N, C-alpha and C. Protein backbone atom coordinates (compact mmCIF):
# COMPACT_ATOMS: atom_id res chain seq x y z
N MET A 1 -179.83 8.53 -151.74
CA MET A 1 -180.77 9.57 -152.27
C MET A 1 -181.55 10.27 -151.13
N LYS A 2 -181.84 9.47 -149.98
CA LYS A 2 -182.48 10.21 -148.92
C LYS A 2 -181.67 11.28 -148.23
N TYR A 3 -180.48 11.07 -148.17
CA TYR A 3 -179.57 11.95 -147.59
C TYR A 3 -179.51 13.22 -148.38
N LEU A 4 -179.39 13.00 -149.72
CA LEU A 4 -179.49 14.14 -150.57
C LEU A 4 -180.65 15.04 -150.57
N TYR A 5 -181.81 14.38 -150.49
CA TYR A 5 -183.04 15.11 -150.39
C TYR A 5 -183.14 15.89 -149.08
N ASP A 6 -182.69 15.26 -147.94
CA ASP A 6 -182.68 15.92 -146.79
C ASP A 6 -181.74 17.15 -146.71
N ALA A 7 -180.65 17.12 -147.47
CA ALA A 7 -179.62 18.12 -147.58
C ALA A 7 -180.18 19.32 -148.32
N ILE A 8 -180.94 19.12 -149.38
CA ILE A 8 -181.36 20.14 -150.28
C ILE A 8 -182.77 20.70 -150.10
N THR A 9 -183.50 20.10 -149.15
CA THR A 9 -184.94 20.58 -149.00
C THR A 9 -185.03 21.25 -147.66
N ILE A 10 -186.05 22.00 -147.44
CA ILE A 10 -186.20 22.75 -146.24
C ILE A 10 -187.07 22.08 -145.23
N ASN A 11 -187.92 21.14 -145.77
CA ASN A 11 -188.77 20.43 -144.79
C ASN A 11 -189.58 21.19 -143.72
N GLU A 12 -190.01 22.32 -144.20
CA GLU A 12 -190.94 23.08 -143.33
C GLU A 12 -192.00 23.58 -144.20
N THR A 13 -193.24 23.60 -143.77
CA THR A 13 -194.37 24.21 -144.39
C THR A 13 -195.28 24.84 -143.42
N PHE A 14 -195.86 26.05 -143.92
CA PHE A 14 -197.06 26.73 -143.09
C PHE A 14 -197.65 27.60 -143.96
N PHE A 15 -198.80 27.99 -143.51
CA PHE A 15 -199.64 28.91 -144.31
C PHE A 15 -198.91 30.33 -144.23
N PHE A 16 -199.08 30.93 -145.55
CA PHE A 16 -198.61 32.42 -145.72
C PHE A 16 -197.07 32.51 -145.36
N ARG A 17 -196.33 31.55 -145.73
CA ARG A 17 -194.91 31.44 -145.26
C ARG A 17 -194.11 32.57 -145.79
N ASN A 18 -194.33 33.09 -146.99
CA ASN A 18 -193.53 34.15 -147.48
C ASN A 18 -194.39 35.21 -148.04
N ARG A 19 -194.83 36.15 -147.12
CA ARG A 19 -195.73 37.28 -147.55
C ARG A 19 -195.22 38.09 -148.70
N PRO A 20 -194.06 38.52 -148.93
CA PRO A 20 -193.51 39.37 -150.03
C PRO A 20 -193.88 38.52 -151.40
N GLN A 21 -193.62 37.28 -151.36
CA GLN A 21 -193.90 36.54 -152.70
C GLN A 21 -195.43 36.61 -153.04
N LEU A 22 -196.14 36.54 -152.05
CA LEU A 22 -197.71 36.47 -152.27
C LEU A 22 -198.04 38.01 -152.67
N ASP A 23 -197.56 39.02 -152.04
CA ASP A 23 -197.79 40.28 -152.41
C ASP A 23 -197.33 40.63 -153.90
N ALA A 24 -196.15 40.22 -154.21
CA ALA A 24 -195.83 40.35 -155.58
C ALA A 24 -196.72 39.61 -156.68
N LEU A 25 -197.14 38.45 -156.35
CA LEU A 25 -198.01 37.68 -157.08
C LEU A 25 -199.33 38.43 -157.34
N THR A 26 -199.93 39.03 -156.27
CA THR A 26 -201.24 39.76 -156.42
C THR A 26 -201.12 41.23 -156.76
N ASN A 27 -199.82 41.82 -156.61
CA ASN A 27 -199.89 43.33 -156.91
C ASN A 27 -199.11 43.42 -158.31
N SER A 28 -198.36 42.43 -158.79
CA SER A 28 -197.57 42.78 -159.97
C SER A 28 -197.85 41.52 -160.96
N VAL A 29 -197.53 40.40 -160.60
CA VAL A 29 -197.53 39.30 -161.54
C VAL A 29 -198.75 39.03 -162.27
N VAL A 30 -199.90 38.58 -161.41
CA VAL A 30 -201.21 38.30 -162.11
C VAL A 30 -201.78 39.63 -162.66
N PRO A 31 -201.77 40.79 -162.18
CA PRO A 31 -202.26 41.90 -162.92
C PRO A 31 -201.66 42.32 -164.19
N GLU A 32 -200.44 42.18 -164.27
CA GLU A 32 -199.61 42.13 -165.44
C GLU A 32 -200.17 41.08 -166.65
N ILE A 33 -200.35 39.94 -165.95
CA ILE A 33 -200.72 38.88 -166.96
C ILE A 33 -202.13 39.06 -167.56
N ILE A 34 -202.96 39.63 -166.69
CA ILE A 34 -204.41 39.95 -167.08
C ILE A 34 -204.30 41.17 -168.10
N GLN A 35 -203.51 42.15 -167.87
CA GLN A 35 -203.39 43.30 -168.76
C GLN A 35 -202.97 42.93 -170.09
N ASN A 36 -202.22 41.80 -170.13
CA ASN A 36 -201.60 41.38 -171.35
C ASN A 36 -202.58 40.44 -172.24
N GLY A 37 -203.91 40.50 -171.54
CA GLY A 37 -205.03 39.84 -172.37
C GLY A 37 -205.25 38.27 -171.96
N LYS A 38 -204.49 38.02 -170.95
CA LYS A 38 -204.70 36.46 -170.45
C LYS A 38 -205.68 36.37 -169.29
N ASN A 39 -206.72 35.56 -169.29
CA ASN A 39 -207.65 35.48 -168.17
C ASN A 39 -207.49 34.13 -167.56
N LYS A 40 -206.78 33.44 -167.88
CA LYS A 40 -206.55 32.05 -167.40
C LYS A 40 -205.16 31.82 -167.07
N ILE A 41 -204.85 31.38 -165.68
CA ILE A 41 -203.55 31.20 -165.45
C ILE A 41 -203.37 29.80 -164.74
N ARG A 42 -202.21 29.22 -164.67
CA ARG A 42 -201.93 27.99 -164.02
C ARG A 42 -200.79 28.24 -163.26
N ILE A 43 -200.89 27.90 -161.87
CA ILE A 43 -199.78 28.18 -160.90
C ILE A 43 -199.40 26.85 -160.38
N TRP A 44 -198.13 26.63 -160.28
CA TRP A 44 -197.50 25.42 -159.66
C TRP A 44 -196.63 25.70 -158.61
N SER A 45 -197.07 25.29 -157.48
CA SER A 45 -196.18 25.39 -156.24
C SER A 45 -195.32 24.31 -156.14
N ALA A 46 -194.06 24.23 -156.48
CA ALA A 46 -193.23 23.16 -156.59
C ALA A 46 -192.63 22.59 -155.19
N ALA A 47 -193.03 23.34 -154.01
CA ALA A 47 -192.31 22.98 -152.94
C ALA A 47 -193.48 23.20 -151.77
N SER A 48 -194.38 22.38 -151.81
CA SER A 48 -195.55 22.53 -150.94
C SER A 48 -195.80 21.16 -150.20
N SER A 49 -194.90 20.91 -149.41
CA SER A 49 -194.92 19.69 -148.62
C SER A 49 -196.27 19.08 -148.36
N SER A 50 -197.05 19.73 -147.38
CA SER A 50 -198.32 19.16 -147.12
C SER A 50 -199.52 20.13 -147.81
N GLY A 51 -199.14 21.14 -148.57
CA GLY A 51 -200.05 21.94 -149.08
C GLY A 51 -200.35 23.27 -148.68
N GLU A 52 -199.81 23.63 -147.67
CA GLU A 52 -200.05 24.97 -147.11
C GLU A 52 -199.65 26.20 -147.99
N GLU A 53 -198.60 26.01 -148.78
CA GLU A 53 -198.06 26.99 -149.74
C GLU A 53 -199.10 27.05 -150.83
N ALA A 54 -199.49 26.05 -151.52
CA ALA A 54 -200.54 26.00 -152.50
C ALA A 54 -201.81 26.58 -152.07
N TYR A 55 -202.27 26.20 -150.90
CA TYR A 55 -203.47 26.67 -150.32
C TYR A 55 -203.35 28.28 -150.13
N SER A 56 -202.28 28.63 -149.66
CA SER A 56 -201.94 30.01 -149.39
C SER A 56 -202.08 30.83 -150.61
N ILE A 57 -201.57 30.45 -151.79
CA ILE A 57 -201.52 31.12 -152.96
C ILE A 57 -203.03 31.19 -153.40
N ALA A 58 -203.82 30.03 -153.42
CA ALA A 58 -205.27 30.02 -153.88
C ALA A 58 -206.07 30.87 -153.17
N ILE A 59 -205.82 30.91 -151.68
CA ILE A 59 -206.65 31.75 -150.82
C ILE A 59 -206.47 33.17 -151.15
N THR A 60 -205.04 33.50 -151.33
CA THR A 60 -204.76 34.97 -151.66
C THR A 60 -205.44 35.38 -152.99
N ILE A 61 -205.33 34.56 -153.93
CA ILE A 61 -206.00 34.84 -155.35
C ILE A 61 -207.57 35.03 -155.04
N LEU A 62 -208.13 34.11 -154.49
CA LEU A 62 -209.60 34.26 -154.07
C LEU A 62 -209.96 35.38 -153.48
N GLU A 63 -209.29 35.85 -152.38
CA GLU A 63 -209.64 36.99 -151.67
C GLU A 63 -209.14 38.32 -152.12
N THR A 64 -208.01 38.34 -152.95
CA THR A 64 -207.65 39.63 -153.31
C THR A 64 -207.86 39.94 -154.88
N LEU A 65 -207.66 38.80 -155.53
CA LEU A 65 -207.85 39.04 -157.14
C LEU A 65 -209.08 38.84 -157.60
N LEU A 66 -209.75 37.81 -157.27
CA LEU A 66 -211.08 37.50 -157.93
C LEU A 66 -212.03 38.57 -157.84
N PRO A 67 -212.19 39.28 -156.71
CA PRO A 67 -213.11 40.58 -156.65
C PRO A 67 -212.71 41.64 -157.68
N LYS A 68 -211.36 41.73 -157.84
CA LYS A 68 -211.05 42.79 -158.79
C LYS A 68 -211.14 42.26 -160.26
N TYR A 69 -210.85 40.94 -160.55
CA TYR A 69 -210.86 40.46 -161.84
C TYR A 69 -211.78 39.18 -161.85
N PRO A 70 -213.06 39.50 -161.85
CA PRO A 70 -213.94 38.20 -161.89
C PRO A 70 -213.92 37.32 -162.99
N GLN A 71 -213.21 37.83 -164.10
CA GLN A 71 -213.13 37.01 -165.26
C GLN A 71 -211.80 36.00 -165.20
N LEU A 72 -211.09 36.12 -164.17
CA LEU A 72 -209.96 35.39 -164.08
C LEU A 72 -210.21 33.92 -163.56
N GLU A 73 -209.68 32.97 -164.38
CA GLU A 73 -209.71 31.48 -164.02
C GLU A 73 -208.27 30.98 -163.76
N PHE A 74 -208.23 30.28 -162.59
CA PHE A 74 -206.87 29.88 -162.19
C PHE A 74 -207.04 28.39 -161.90
N GLU A 75 -205.76 27.65 -162.01
CA GLU A 75 -205.67 26.35 -161.60
C GLU A 75 -204.49 26.30 -160.76
N MET A 76 -204.51 25.59 -159.60
CA MET A 76 -203.39 25.62 -158.63
C MET A 76 -203.12 24.10 -158.54
N ILE A 77 -201.81 23.80 -158.48
CA ILE A 77 -201.23 22.49 -158.27
C ILE A 77 -200.00 22.58 -157.34
N GLY A 78 -199.99 21.57 -156.46
CA GLY A 78 -198.81 21.76 -155.49
C GLY A 78 -198.21 20.31 -155.50
N THR A 79 -197.00 20.30 -155.55
CA THR A 79 -196.10 18.99 -155.46
C THR A 79 -194.92 19.20 -154.53
N ASP A 80 -194.32 18.15 -154.15
CA ASP A 80 -193.22 18.18 -153.16
C ASP A 80 -192.33 16.95 -153.41
N ILE A 81 -191.14 17.01 -153.35
CA ILE A 81 -190.25 16.05 -153.52
C ILE A 81 -190.04 15.04 -152.22
N SER A 82 -190.48 15.61 -151.19
CA SER A 82 -190.44 14.86 -149.83
C SER A 82 -191.85 14.53 -149.32
C-alpha cells in the first residue's frame, strides 16, 4: 500500500499553491453560493498534507470574501492520505 500511495500522491504542500483555484473560489464559486441564498459553507481540502492548502483557502476567504459578505459563515477542514 505504501508504494501505491507514493505513486498516486504529489507529496508536496505549500501556501497558495494553485492561485487560479483560489481565484475561482473567491470570484465565482462562493459568490454564486451566497447569491443562491446560502450563507454557510463547508470546505474540505482533501489533499492538504501539513495544512498549507487548507490554511490558504481560509486566509483567502477571510481576507477577500468576509469584508464583502460579513454574513458568511464557513467551516474549513483539511485531510491527507499521507
